[in-house]
């Protein structure tokens, strides 16, 4: 299992590529989630639980939380490992 620092590096280094309209929609969704739905406040601890296909949204949520002054932790599921368990 990857460490928090390894996951954080993966998230920070991830580059969103593709259609600019989709990228903008992902950005806007993440901002709405952080600012309106969850109302993240400075100093709060936020856990982002995700699968790797969700990395574009994860990166934007992470950026929005950091901009709000939150402490972000990650739980990245391993879909292959989950499939083996079943």
PDB file of N, CA and C in Angstrom:
ATOM      1  N   UNK A   1       0.845  -1.182   0.000  1.00  0.00           N
ATOM      2  CA  UNK A   1       0.000   0.000   0.000  1.00  0.00           C
ATOM      3  C   UNK A   1       0.891   1.246   0.000  1.00  0.00           C
ATOM      4  N   UNK A   2       0.531   2.206  -0.781  1.00  0.00           N
ATOM      5  CA  UNK A   2       1.312   3.424  -0.912  1.00  0.00           C
ATOM      6  C   UNK A   2       1.167   4.298   0.336  1.00  0.00           C
ATOM      7  N   UNK A   3       2.211   5.045   0.634  1.00  0.00           N
ATOM      8  CA  UNK A   3       2.171   5.963   1.767  1.00  0.00           C
ATOM      9  C   UNK A   3       1.411   7.227   1.386  1.00  0.00           C
ATOM     10  N   UNK A   4       1.052   8.016   2.389  1.00  0.00           N
ATOM     11  CA  UNK A   4       0.368   9.284   2.135  1.00  0.00           C
ATOM     12  C   UNK A   4       1.209  10.179   1.222  1.00  0.00           C
ATOM     13  N   UNK A   5       2.497  10.226   1.487  1.00  0.00           N
ATOM     14  CA  UNK A   5       3.369  11.087   0.686  1.00  0.00           C
ATOM     15  C   UNK A   5       3.424  10.618  -0.771  1.00  0.00           C
ATOM     16  N   UNK A   6       3.465   9.308  -0.976  1.00  0.00           N
ATOM     17  CA  UNK A   6       3.487   8.770  -2.345  1.00  0.00           C
ATOM     18  C   UNK A   6       2.187   9.095  -3.084  1.00  0.00           C
ATOM     19  N   UNK A   7       1.070   8.945  -2.403  1.00  0.00           N
ATOM     20  CA  UNK A   7      -0.217   9.262  -3.036  1.00  0.00           C
ATOM     21  C   UNK A   7      -0.313  10.751  -3.307  1.00  0.00           C
ATOM     22  N   UNK A   8       0.092  11.566  -2.330  1.00  0.00           N
ATOM     23  CA  UNK A   8       0.046  13.024  -2.511  1.00  0.00           C
ATOM     24  C   UNK A   8       0.887  13.432  -3.726  1.00  0.00           C
ATOM     25  N   UNK A   9       2.055  12.831  -3.886  1.00  0.00           N
ATOM     26  CA  UNK A   9       2.912  13.130  -5.031  1.00  0.00           C
ATOM     27  C   UNK A   9       2.230  12.734  -6.337  1.00  0.00           C
ATOM     28  N   UNK A  10       1.580  11.567  -6.346  1.00  0.00           N
ATOM     29  CA  UNK A  10       0.850  11.137  -7.550  1.00  0.00           C
ATOM     30  C   UNK A  10      -0.243  12.137  -7.904  1.00  0.00           C
ATOM     31  N   UNK A  11      -0.976  12.593  -6.896  1.00  0.00           N
ATOM     32  CA  UNK A  11      -2.060  13.548  -7.123  1.00  0.00           C
ATOM     33  C   UNK A  11      -1.495  14.876  -7.616  1.00  0.00           C
ATOM     34  N   UNK A  12      -0.469  15.376  -6.947  1.00  0.00           N
ATOM     35  CA  UNK A  12       0.099  16.669  -7.334  1.00  0.00           C
ATOM     36  C   UNK A  12       0.715  16.631  -8.734  1.00  0.00           C
ATOM     37  N   UNK A  13       1.314  15.509  -9.099  1.00  0.00           N
ATOM     38  CA  UNK A  13       1.974  15.394 -10.402  1.00  0.00           C
ATOM     39  C   UNK A  13       1.020  15.054 -11.540  1.00  0.00           C
ATOM     40  N   UNK A  14      -0.200  14.653 -11.214  1.00  0.00           N
ATOM     41  CA  UNK A  14      -1.159  14.261 -12.244  1.00  0.00           C
ATOM     42  C   UNK A  14      -1.524  15.459 -13.105  1.00  0.00           C
ATOM     43  N   UNK A  15      -1.500  15.269 -14.415  1.00  0.00           N
ATOM     44  CA  UNK A  15      -1.876  16.332 -15.347  1.00  0.00           C
ATOM     45  C   UNK A  15      -3.199  15.974 -16.004  1.00  0.00           C
ATOM     46  N   UNK A  16      -4.155  16.867 -15.882  1.00  0.00           N
ATOM     47  CA  UNK A  16      -5.453  16.650 -16.507  1.00  0.00           C
ATOM     48  C   UNK A  16      -5.316  17.005 -17.984  1.00  0.00           C
ATOM     49  N   UNK A  17      -5.617  16.029 -18.827  1.00  0.00           N
ATOM     50  CA  UNK A  17      -5.517  16.231 -20.271  1.00  0.00           C
ATOM     51  C   UNK A  17      -6.873  15.962 -20.892  1.00  0.00           C
ATOM     52  N   UNK A  18      -7.068  16.507 -22.067  1.00  0.00           N
ATOM     53  CA  UNK A  18      -8.307  16.221 -22.771  1.00  0.00           C
ATOM     54  C   UNK A  18      -9.092  17.473 -23.078  1.00  0.00           C
ATOM     55  N   UNK A  19     -10.353  17.274 -23.301  1.00  0.00           N
ATOM     56  CA  UNK A  19     -11.271  18.333 -23.685  1.00  0.00           C
ATOM     57  C   UNK A  19     -11.312  19.427 -22.611  1.00  0.00           C
ATOM     58  N   UNK A  20     -11.038  20.663 -23.000  1.00  0.00           N
ATOM     59  CA  UNK A  20     -11.048  21.764 -22.023  1.00  0.00           C
ATOM     60  C   UNK A  20     -12.409  21.956 -21.343  1.00  0.00           C
ATOM     61  N   UNK A  21     -13.492  21.631 -22.033  1.00  0.00           N
ATOM     62  CA  UNK A  21     -14.819  21.772 -21.417  1.00  0.00           C
ATOM     63  C   UNK A  21     -15.015  20.737 -20.316  1.00  0.00           C
ATOM     64  N   UNK A  22     -14.502  19.544 -20.525  1.00  0.00           N
ATOM     65  CA  UNK A  22     -14.594  18.514 -19.486  1.00  0.00           C
ATOM     66  C   UNK A  22     -13.713  18.898 -18.311  1.00  0.00           C
ATOM     67  N   UNK A  23     -12.521  19.402 -18.606  1.00  0.00           N
ATOM     68  CA  UNK A  23     -11.614  19.850 -17.548  1.00  0.00           C
ATOM     69  C   UNK A  23     -12.255  20.955 -16.722  1.00  0.00           C
ATOM     70  N   UNK A  24     -12.904  21.889 -17.379  1.00  0.00           N
ATOM     71  CA  UNK A  24     -13.582  22.972 -16.665  1.00  0.00           C
ATOM     72  C   UNK A  24     -14.736  22.437 -15.818  1.00  0.00           C
ATOM     73  N   UNK A  25     -15.479  21.473 -16.334  1.00  0.00           N
ATOM     74  CA  UNK A  25     -16.584  20.876 -15.583  1.00  0.00           C
ATOM     75  C   UNK A  25     -16.063  20.151 -14.342  1.00  0.00           C
ATOM     76  N   UNK A  26     -14.947  19.439 -14.475  1.00  0.00           N
ATOM     77  CA  UNK A  26     -14.336  18.760 -13.329  1.00  0.00           C
ATOM     78  C   UNK A  26     -13.911  19.785 -12.278  1.00  0.00           C
ATOM     79  N   UNK A  27     -13.267  20.850 -12.729  1.00  0.00           N
ATOM     80  CA  UNK A  27     -12.822  21.923 -11.839  1.00  0.00           C
ATOM     81  C   UNK A  27     -14.017  22.527 -11.088  1.00  0.00           C
ATOM     82  N   UNK A  28     -15.068  22.853 -11.820  1.00  0.00           N
ATOM     83  CA  UNK A  28     -16.248  23.470 -11.207  1.00  0.00           C
ATOM     84  C   UNK A  28     -16.943  22.519 -10.230  1.00  0.00           C
ATOM     85  N   UNK A  29     -17.000  21.247 -10.572  1.00  0.00           N
ATOM     86  CA  UNK A  29     -17.614  20.254  -9.679  1.00  0.00           C
ATOM     87  C   UNK A  29     -16.823  20.149  -8.379  1.00  0.00           C
ATOM     88  N   UNK A  30     -15.506  20.081  -8.496  1.00  0.00           N
ATOM     89  CA  UNK A  30     -14.664  19.981  -7.297  1.00  0.00           C
ATOM     90  C   UNK A  30     -14.832  21.209  -6.412  1.00  0.00           C
ATOM     91  N   UNK A  31     -14.826  22.381  -6.999  1.00  0.00           N
ATOM     92  CA  UNK A  31     -14.981  23.615  -6.206  1.00  0.00           C
ATOM     93  C   UNK A  31     -16.335  23.636  -5.500  1.00  0.00           C
ATOM     94  N   UNK A  32     -17.389  23.234  -6.215  1.00  0.00           N
ATOM     95  CA  UNK A  32     -18.724  23.214  -5.600  1.00  0.00           C
ATOM     96  C   UNK A  32     -18.777  22.217  -4.447  1.00  0.00           C
ATOM     97  N   UNK A  33     -18.149  21.063  -4.617  1.00  0.00           N
ATOM     98  CA  UNK A  33     -18.135  20.055  -3.553  1.00  0.00           C
ATOM     99  C   UNK A  33     -17.429  20.587  -2.311  1.00  0.00           C
ATOM    100  N   UNK A  34     -16.284  21.211  -2.512  1.00  0.00           N
ATOM    101  CA  UNK A  34     -15.467  21.679  -1.384  1.00  0.00           C
ATOM    102  C   UNK A  34     -16.070  22.916  -0.730  1.00  0.00           C
ATOM    103  N   UNK A  35     -16.570  23.838  -1.529  1.00  0.00           N
ATOM    104  CA  UNK A  35     -17.036  25.109  -0.981  1.00  0.00           C
ATOM    105  C   UNK A  35     -18.491  25.090  -0.536  1.00  0.00           C
ATOM    106  N   UNK A  36     -19.347  24.377  -1.277  1.00  0.00           N
ATOM    107  CA  UNK A  36     -20.775  24.439  -0.973  1.00  0.00           C
ATOM    108  C   UNK A  36     -21.302  23.176  -0.316  1.00  0.00           C
ATOM    109  N   UNK A  37     -21.009  22.023  -0.884  1.00  0.00           N
ATOM    110  CA  UNK A  37     -21.569  20.780  -0.347  1.00  0.00           C
ATOM    111  C   UNK A  37     -20.970  20.425   1.001  1.00  0.00           C
ATOM    112  N   UNK A  38     -19.649  20.473   1.098  1.00  0.00           N
ATOM    113  CA  UNK A  38     -18.973  20.066   2.327  1.00  0.00           C
ATOM    114  C   UNK A  38     -18.596  21.274   3.185  1.00  0.00           C
ATOM    115  N   UNK A  39     -18.415  22.423   2.552  1.00  0.00           N
ATOM    116  CA  UNK A  39     -18.044  23.664   3.238  1.00  0.00           C
ATOM    117  C   UNK A  39     -16.756  23.480   4.052  1.00  0.00           C
ATOM    118  N   UNK A  40     -15.711  23.055   3.369  1.00  0.00           N
ATOM    119  CA  UNK A  40     -14.409  22.835   4.006  1.00  0.00           C
ATOM    120  C   UNK A  40     -13.902  24.150   4.591  1.00  0.00           C
ATOM    121  N   UNK A  41     -13.396  24.056   5.829  1.00  0.00           N
ATOM    122  CA  UNK A  41     -12.885  25.227   6.531  1.00  0.00           C
ATOM    123  C   UNK A  41     -11.387  25.084   6.788  1.00  0.00           C
ATOM    124  N   UNK A  42     -10.690  26.216   6.973  1.00  0.00           N
ATOM    125  CA  UNK A  42      -9.256  26.155   7.278  1.00  0.00           C
ATOM    126  C   UNK A  42      -8.997  25.287   8.506  1.00  0.00           C
ATOM    127  N   UNK A  43      -7.962  24.455   8.405  1.00  0.00           N
ATOM    128  CA  UNK A  43      -7.568  23.609   9.517  1.00  0.00           C
ATOM    129  C   UNK A  43      -8.328  22.294   9.619  1.00  0.00           C
ATOM    130  N   UNK A  44      -9.394  22.135   8.848  1.00  0.00           N
ATOM    131  CA  UNK A  44     -10.135  20.878   8.894  1.00  0.00           C
ATOM    132  C   UNK A  44      -9.328  19.759   8.257  1.00  0.00           C
ATOM    133  N   UNK A  45      -9.629  18.542   8.670  1.00  0.00           N
ATOM    134  CA  UNK A  45      -8.999  17.367   8.089  1.00  0.00           C
ATOM    135  C   UNK A  45      -9.973  16.758   7.094  1.00  0.00           C
ATOM    136  N   UNK A  46      -9.494  16.521   5.889  1.00  0.00           N
ATOM    137  CA  UNK A  46     -10.323  15.989   4.814  1.00  0.00           C
ATOM    138  C   UNK A  46      -9.710  14.683   4.334  1.00  0.00           C
ATOM    139  N   UNK A  47     -10.535  13.644   4.231  1.00  0.00           N
ATOM    140  CA  UNK A  47     -10.101  12.369   3.684  1.00  0.00           C
ATOM    141  C   UNK A  47     -10.710  12.225   2.296  1.00  0.00           C
ATOM    142  N   UNK A  48      -9.856  12.013   1.309  1.00  0.00           N
ATOM    143  CA  UNK A  48     -10.323  11.763  -0.052  1.00  0.00           C
ATOM    144  C   UNK A  48     -10.134  10.272  -0.314  1.00  0.00           C
ATOM    145  N   UNK A  49     -11.244   9.576  -0.460  1.00  0.00           N
ATOM    146  CA  UNK A  49     -11.274   8.128  -0.688  1.00  0.00           C
ATOM    147  C   UNK A  49     -11.597   7.948  -2.165  1.00  0.00           C
ATOM    148  N   UNK A  50     -10.719   7.296  -2.918  1.00  0.00           N
ATOM    149  CA  UNK A  50     -10.922   7.272  -4.362  1.00  0.00           C
ATOM    150  C   UNK A  50     -10.317   6.048  -5.036  1.00  0.00           C
ATOM    151  N   UNK A  51     -10.739   5.863  -6.276  1.00  0.00           N
ATOM    152  CA  UNK A  51     -10.165   4.876  -7.188  1.00  0.00           C
ATOM    153  C   UNK A  51      -9.334   5.654  -8.202  1.00  0.00           C
ATOM    154  N   UNK A  52      -8.298   5.045  -8.724  1.00  0.00           N
ATOM    155  CA  UNK A  52      -7.411   5.769  -9.647  1.00  0.00           C
ATOM    156  C   UNK A  52      -8.107   6.345 -10.879  1.00  0.00           C
ATOM    157  N   UNK A  53      -9.176   5.738 -11.422  1.00  0.00           N
ATOM    158  CA  UNK A  53      -9.826   6.397 -12.566  1.00  0.00           C
ATOM    159  C   UNK A  53     -10.405   7.776 -12.221  1.00  0.00           C
ATOM    160  N   UNK A  54     -10.600   8.053 -10.940  1.00  0.00           N
ATOM    161  CA  UNK A  54     -11.134   9.349 -10.521  1.00  0.00           C
ATOM    162  C   UNK A  54     -10.075  10.416 -10.292  1.00  0.00           C
ATOM    163  N   UNK A  55      -8.843  10.151 -10.693  1.00  0.00           N
ATOM    164  CA  UNK A  55      -7.735  11.064 -10.409  1.00  0.00           C
ATOM    165  C   UNK A  55      -7.973  12.508 -10.871  1.00  0.00           C
ATOM    166  N   UNK A  56      -8.591  12.760 -12.035  1.00  0.00           N
ATOM    167  CA  UNK A  56      -8.809  14.168 -12.407  1.00  0.00           C
ATOM    168  C   UNK A  56      -9.647  14.919 -11.365  1.00  0.00           C
ATOM    169  N   UNK A  57     -10.711  14.306 -10.882  1.00  0.00           N
ATOM    170  CA  UNK A  57     -11.541  14.958  -9.869  1.00  0.00           C
ATOM    171  C   UNK A  57     -10.810  15.040  -8.538  1.00  0.00           C
ATOM    172  N   UNK A  58     -10.070  14.013  -8.192  1.00  0.00           N
ATOM    173  CA  UNK A  58      -9.303  14.002  -6.942  1.00  0.00           C
ATOM    174  C   UNK A  58      -8.315  15.166  -6.917  1.00  0.00           C
ATOM    175  N   UNK A  59      -7.610  15.368  -8.022  1.00  0.00           N
ATOM    176  CA  UNK A  59      -6.634  16.460  -8.070  1.00  0.00           C
ATOM    177  C   UNK A  59      -7.317  17.801  -7.833  1.00  0.00           C
ATOM    178  N   UNK A  60      -8.456  18.013  -8.462  1.00  0.00           N
ATOM    179  CA  UNK A  60      -9.164  19.289  -8.295  1.00  0.00           C
ATOM    180  C   UNK A  60      -9.726  19.449  -6.886  1.00  0.00           C
ATOM    181  N   UNK A  61     -10.236  18.366  -6.295  1.00  0.00           N
ATOM    182  CA  UNK A  61     -10.716  18.434  -4.912  1.00  0.00           C
ATOM    183  C   UNK A  61      -9.550  18.736  -3.976  1.00  0.00           C
ATOM    184  N   UNK A  62      -8.435  18.057  -4.195  1.00  0.00           N
ATOM    185  CA  UNK A  62      -7.240  18.295  -3.388  1.00  0.00           C
ATOM    186  C   UNK A  62      -6.824  19.768  -3.467  1.00  0.00           C
ATOM    187  N   UNK A  63      -6.730  20.299  -4.684  1.00  0.00           N
ATOM    188  CA  UNK A  63      -6.319  21.698  -4.860  1.00  0.00           C
ATOM    189  C   UNK A  63      -7.282  22.654  -4.151  1.00  0.00           C
ATOM    190  N   UNK A  64      -8.585  22.370  -4.256  1.00  0.00           N
ATOM    191  CA  UNK A  64      -9.580  23.238  -3.620  1.00  0.00           C
ATOM    192  C   UNK A  64      -9.472  23.166  -2.100  1.00  0.00           C
ATOM    193  N   UNK A  65      -9.228  21.984  -1.564  1.00  0.00           N
ATOM    194  CA  UNK A  65      -9.083  21.832  -0.107  1.00  0.00           C
ATOM    195  C   UNK A  65      -7.833  22.540   0.402  1.00  0.00           C
ATOM    196  N   UNK A  66      -6.733  22.390  -0.315  1.00  0.00           N
ATOM    197  CA  UNK A  66      -5.483  23.056   0.072  1.00  0.00           C
ATOM    198  C   UNK A  66      -5.668  24.570   0.021  1.00  0.00           C
ATOM    199  N   UNK A  67      -6.364  25.052  -0.998  1.00  0.00           N
ATOM    200  CA  UNK A  67      -6.620  26.495  -1.107  1.00  0.00           C
ATOM    201  C   UNK A  67      -7.439  27.005   0.078  1.00  0.00           C
ATOM    202  N   UNK A  68      -8.285  26.145   0.642  1.00  0.00           N
ATOM    203  CA  UNK A  68      -9.082  26.515   1.808  1.00  0.00           C
ATOM    204  C   UNK A  68      -8.303  26.372   3.111  1.00  0.00           C
ATOM    205  N   UNK A  69      -7.107  25.788   3.048  1.00  0.00           N
ATOM    206  CA  UNK A  69      -6.296  25.622   4.248  1.00  0.00           C
ATOM    207  C   UNK A  69      -6.579  24.337   5.005  1.00  0.00           C
ATOM    208  N   UNK A  70      -7.155  23.353   4.319  1.00  0.00           N
ATOM    209  CA  UNK A  70      -7.463  22.076   4.960  1.00  0.00           C
ATOM    210  C   UNK A  70      -6.265  21.139   4.893  1.00  0.00           C
ATOM    211  N   UNK A  71      -6.248  20.175   5.813  1.00  0.00           N
ATOM    212  CA  UNK A  71      -5.233  19.130   5.817  1.00  0.00           C
ATOM    213  C   UNK A  71      -5.838  17.923   5.099  1.00  0.00           C
ATOM    214  N   UNK A  72      -5.214  17.503   4.011  1.00  0.00           N
ATOM    215  CA  UNK A  72      -5.783  16.450   3.180  1.00  0.00           C
ATOM    216  C   UNK A  72      -5.026  15.145   3.366  1.00  0.00           C
ATOM    217  N   UNK A  73      -5.793  14.070   3.543  1.00  0.00           N
ATOM    218  CA  UNK A  73      -5.260  12.706   3.595  1.00  0.00           C
ATOM    219  C   UNK A  73      -5.970  11.921   2.503  1.00  0.00           C
ATOM    220  N   UNK A  74      -5.366  10.814   2.110  1.00  0.00           N
ATOM    221  CA  UNK A  74      -5.896  10.029   1.004  1.00  0.00           C
ATOM    222  C   UNK A  74      -6.077   8.573   1.389  1.00  0.00           C
ATOM    223  N   UNK A  75      -7.086   7.950   0.775  1.00  0.00           N
ATOM    224  CA  UNK A  75      -7.224   6.501   0.792  1.00  0.00           C
ATOM    225  C   UNK A  75      -7.493   6.103  -0.652  1.00  0.00           C
ATOM    226  N   UNK A  76      -6.497   5.508  -1.290  1.00  0.00           N
ATOM    227  CA  UNK A  76      -6.619   5.113  -2.687  1.00  0.00           C
ATOM    228  C   UNK A  76      -6.874   3.613  -2.742  1.00  0.00           C
ATOM    229  N   UNK A  77      -8.041   3.251  -3.252  1.00  0.00           N
ATOM    230  CA  UNK A  77      -8.377   1.833  -3.382  1.00  0.00           C
ATOM    231  C   UNK A  77      -7.562   1.206  -4.495  1.00  0.00           C
ATOM    232  N   UNK A  78      -7.316  -0.061  -4.345  1.00  0.00           N
ATOM    233  CA  UNK A  78      -6.634  -0.848  -5.376  1.00  0.00           C
ATOM    234  C   UNK A  78      -7.707  -1.753  -5.989  1.00  0.00           C
ATOM    235  N   UNK A  79      -8.196  -1.383  -7.173  1.00  0.00           N
ATOM    236  CA  UNK A  79      -9.279  -2.125  -7.787  1.00  0.00           C
ATOM    237  C   UNK A  79      -8.886  -3.566  -8.093  1.00  0.00           C
ATOM    238  N   UNK A  80      -7.645  -3.802  -8.474  1.00  0.00           N
ATOM    239  CA  UNK A  80      -7.195  -5.162  -8.753  1.00  0.00           C
ATOM    240  C   UNK A  80      -7.224  -6.002  -7.476  1.00  0.00           C
ATOM    241  N   UNK A  81      -6.763  -5.433  -6.387  1.00  0.00           N
ATOM    242  CA  UNK A  81      -6.770  -6.144  -5.107  1.00  0.00           C
ATOM    243  C   UNK A  81      -8.204  -6.420  -4.660  1.00  0.00           C
ATOM    244  N   UNK A  82      -9.089  -5.439  -4.808  1.00  0.00           N
ATOM    245  CA  UNK A  82     -10.494  -5.640  -4.456  1.00  0.00           C
ATOM    246  C   UNK A  82     -11.107  -6.775  -5.267  1.00  0.00           C
ATOM    247  N   UNK A  83     -10.769  -6.862  -6.552  1.00  0.00           N
ATOM    248  CA  UNK A  83     -11.310  -7.914  -7.418  1.00  0.00           C
ATOM    249  C   UNK A  83     -10.814  -9.279  -6.981  1.00  0.00           C
ATOM    250  N   UNK A  84      -9.582  -9.370  -6.529  1.00  0.00           N
ATOM    251  CA  UNK A  84      -9.028 -10.648  -6.077  1.00  0.00           C
ATOM    252  C   UNK A  84      -9.705 -11.129  -4.801  1.00  0.00           C
ATOM    253  N   UNK A  85     -10.111 -10.222  -3.947  1.00  0.00           N
ATOM    254  CA  UNK A  85     -10.731 -10.567  -2.671  1.00  0.00           C
ATOM    255  C   UNK A  85     -12.113 -11.165  -2.883  1.00  0.00           C
ATOM    256  N   UNK A  86     -12.797 -10.703  -3.887  1.00  0.00           N
ATOM    257  CA  UNK A  86     -14.176 -11.162  -4.144  1.00  0.00           C
ATOM    258  C   UNK A  86     -14.166 -12.512  -4.698  1.00  0.00           C
TER     259      UNK A  86
END
